Each structure stands twice: as C-alpha cells, then as structure tokens.
Amino acid sequence: MPKIKSREIYATINKKDGMVVVKDDTEKYNSPEMFLKIQKDMAQTMDLIRQINKMEEDILLNPMVSLLNNEFAINKIRNFDLFP
C-alpha cells in the first residue's frame, strides 16, 4: 500500500474484493516537457564529467602527487618479497 501511495507502483486496490490491478507507468516519455527534462539531465551529467576530468588532470599534473606516487612505487619495490 505505501508503494502505491508514493507512486513507486502504479496500481489500484478494489475495495470490495481486495484485488490489486497494476497499471502502466503514467509518465509519458514522448512529450516536449520530458525531452527538455532529459536534455537538462544530460547537460548536468556532462558538466559533472567535465569537472571530474578537470580534477583528474589537476591531480595528474600536480608535482606533489607525482612525487608521492614515485615514493610509493619505490617503497613497493624495496619491500617486494621474492619468497613470501
């Protein structure tokens, strides 16, 4: 019942016999409004991807990160045990 009220499931319950009738999703995907919503969501997603790519580039070009990566690699090689 809560899922029906919250519109997670589109259904009705017959009060007489308690039968549940499941219906198709009422949201229409072929309207101009839905097209604009999808377009807006895609633009937001692309903005997030650009931000992530910029952050990744900043990290890769940061000399401190490079130094830490090199130190980590050197320590891994030094501590490598051929016979565990």
C-alpha atoms as a PDB file:
ATOM      1  CA  MET A   1       0.000   0.000   0.000  1.00  0.00           C
ATOM      2  CA  PRO A   2       2.744   2.567   0.759  1.00  0.00           C
ATOM      3  CA  LYS A   3       4.387   1.944  -2.626  1.00  0.00           C
ATOM      4  CA  ILE A   4       1.090   2.638  -4.377  1.00  0.00           C
ATOM      5  CA  LYS A   5       0.592   5.863  -2.416  1.00  0.00           C
ATOM      6  CA  SER A   6       4.149   7.015  -3.134  1.00  0.00           C
ATOM      7  CA  ARG A   7       3.680   6.196  -6.844  1.00  0.00           C
ATOM      8  CA  GLU A   8       6.549   3.701  -6.888  1.00  0.00           C
ATOM      9  CA  ILE A   9       3.993   1.214  -8.202  1.00  0.00           C
ATOM     10  CA  TYR A  10       1.032   2.283 -10.324  1.00  0.00           C
ATOM     11  CA  ALA A  11      -1.895   0.220  -9.114  1.00  0.00           C
ATOM     12  CA  THR A  12      -5.375   0.385  -7.624  1.00  0.00           C
ATOM     13  CA  ILE A  13      -6.956  -1.821  -4.991  1.00  0.00           C
ATOM     14  CA  ASN A  14     -10.585  -2.859  -5.384  1.00  0.00           C
ATOM     15  CA  LYS A  15     -12.253  -2.067  -2.052  1.00  0.00           C
ATOM     16  CA  LYS A  16     -14.852  -4.866  -2.414  1.00  0.00           C
ATOM     17  CA  ASP A  17     -12.662  -7.902  -3.080  1.00  0.00           C
ATOM     18  CA  GLY A  18      -9.154  -6.563  -2.316  1.00  0.00           C
ATOM     19  CA  MET A  19      -7.890  -7.313  -5.808  1.00  0.00           C
ATOM     20  CA  VAL A  20      -4.903  -5.281  -6.955  1.00  0.00           C
ATOM     21  CA  VAL A  21      -4.819  -4.003 -10.522  1.00  0.00           C
ATOM     22  CA  VAL A  22      -1.337  -2.993 -11.675  1.00  0.00           C
ATOM     23  CA  LYS A  23      -1.281  -0.235 -14.275  1.00  0.00           C
ATOM     24  CA  ASP A  24       1.317   1.067 -16.697  1.00  0.00           C
ATOM     25  CA  ASP A  25       3.526   3.944 -15.625  1.00  0.00           C
ATOM     26  CA  THR A  26       1.525   7.124 -16.127  1.00  0.00           C
ATOM     27  CA  GLU A  27       4.572   9.190 -17.031  1.00  0.00           C
ATOM     28  CA  LYS A  28       4.765   9.933 -20.726  1.00  0.00           C
ATOM     29  CA  TYR A  29       8.183   9.993 -22.379  1.00  0.00           C
ATOM     30  CA  ASN A  30       7.091  11.407 -25.720  1.00  0.00           C
ATOM     31  CA  SER A  31       6.272  14.952 -24.621  1.00  0.00           C
ATOM     32  CA  PRO A  32       8.256  18.159 -25.146  1.00  0.00           C
ATOM     33  CA  GLU A  33       8.498  18.548 -21.361  1.00  0.00           C
ATOM     34  CA  MET A  34      10.114  15.132 -20.972  1.00  0.00           C
ATOM     35  CA  PHE A  35      12.505  15.881 -23.828  1.00  0.00           C
ATOM     36  CA  LEU A  36      13.572  19.097 -22.078  1.00  0.00           C
ATOM     37  CA  LYS A  37      13.976  17.259 -18.764  1.00  0.00           C
ATOM     38  CA  ILE A  38      16.162  14.595 -20.362  1.00  0.00           C
ATOM     39  CA  GLN A  39      18.171  17.277 -22.165  1.00  0.00           C
ATOM     40  CA  LYS A  40      18.698  19.149 -18.865  1.00  0.00           C
ATOM     41  CA  ASP A  41      19.712  15.941 -17.063  1.00  0.00           C
ATOM     42  CA  MET A  42      22.191  15.111 -19.829  1.00  0.00           C
ATOM     43  CA  ALA A  43      23.687  18.618 -19.668  1.00  0.00           C
ATOM     44  CA  GLN A  44      24.133  18.283 -15.893  1.00  0.00           C
ATOM     45  CA  THR A  45      25.780  14.895 -16.371  1.00  0.00           C
ATOM     46  CA  MET A  46      28.144  16.292 -18.997  1.00  0.00           C
ATOM     47  CA  ASP A  47      29.053  19.167 -16.646  1.00  0.00           C
ATOM     48  CA  LEU A  48      29.898  16.659 -13.915  1.00  0.00           C
ATOM     49  CA  ILE A  49      32.042  14.653 -16.336  1.00  0.00           C
ATOM     50  CA  ARG A  50      33.916  17.835 -17.313  1.00  0.00           C
ATOM     51  CA  GLN A  51      34.508  18.654 -13.644  1.00  0.00           C
ATOM     52  CA  ILE A  52      35.793  15.147 -12.921  1.00  0.00           C
ATOM     53  CA  ASN A  53      38.093  15.230 -15.951  1.00  0.00           C
ATOM     54  CA  LYS A  54      39.468  18.617 -14.862  1.00  0.00           C
ATOM     55  CA  MET A  55      40.076  17.331 -11.331  1.00  0.00           C
ATOM     56  CA  GLU A  56      41.806  14.246 -12.720  1.00  0.00           C
ATOM     57  CA  GLU A  57      44.025  16.407 -14.923  1.00  0.00           C
ATOM     58  CA  ASP A  58      44.862  18.688 -11.979  1.00  0.00           C
ATOM     59  CA  ILE A  59      45.827  15.668  -9.884  1.00  0.00           C
ATOM     60  CA  LEU A  60      47.969  14.151 -12.622  1.00  0.00           C
ATOM     61  CA  LEU A  61      49.792  17.420 -13.280  1.00  0.00           C
ATOM     62  CA  ASN A  62      50.383  18.176  -9.606  1.00  0.00           C
ATOM     63  CA  PRO A  63      54.091  17.580  -8.872  1.00  0.00           C
ATOM     64  CA  MET A  64      53.319  16.628  -5.269  1.00  0.00           C
ATOM     65  CA  VAL A  65      51.058  13.795  -6.422  1.00  0.00           C
ATOM     66  CA  SER A  66      53.745  12.635  -8.835  1.00  0.00           C
ATOM     67  CA  LEU A  67      56.316  12.682  -6.032  1.00  0.00           C
ATOM     68  CA  LEU A  68      54.026  10.684  -3.725  1.00  0.00           C
ATOM     69  CA  ASN A  69      53.359   8.146  -6.473  1.00  0.00           C
ATOM     70  CA  ASN A  70      57.088   7.761  -7.102  1.00  0.00           C
ATOM     71  CA  GLU A  71      57.801   7.315  -3.383  1.00  0.00           C
ATOM     72  CA  PHE A  72      55.038   4.740  -3.142  1.00  0.00           C
ATOM     73  CA  ALA A  73      56.437   2.803  -6.123  1.00  0.00           C
ATOM     74  CA  ILE A  74      59.987   2.897  -4.718  1.00  0.00           C
ATOM     75  CA  ASN A  75      58.795   1.629  -1.336  1.00  0.00           C
ATOM     76  CA  LYS A  76      56.810  -1.142  -3.019  1.00  0.00           C
ATOM     77  CA  ILE A  77      59.915  -2.257  -4.936  1.00  0.00           C
ATOM     78  CA  ARG A  78      62.109  -2.083  -1.826  1.00  0.00           C
ATOM     79  CA  ASN A  79      59.632  -4.095   0.221  1.00  0.00           C
ATOM     80  CA  PHE A  80      58.935  -6.657  -2.506  1.00  0.00           C
ATOM     81  CA  ASP A  81      59.481 -10.123  -1.134  1.00  0.00           C
ATOM     82  CA  LEU A  82      60.504 -12.700  -3.754  1.00  0.00           C
ATOM     83  CA  PHE A  83      59.871 -15.597  -1.375  1.00  0.00           C
ATOM     84  CA  PRO A  84      56.793 -14.942   0.739  1.00  0.00           C
END
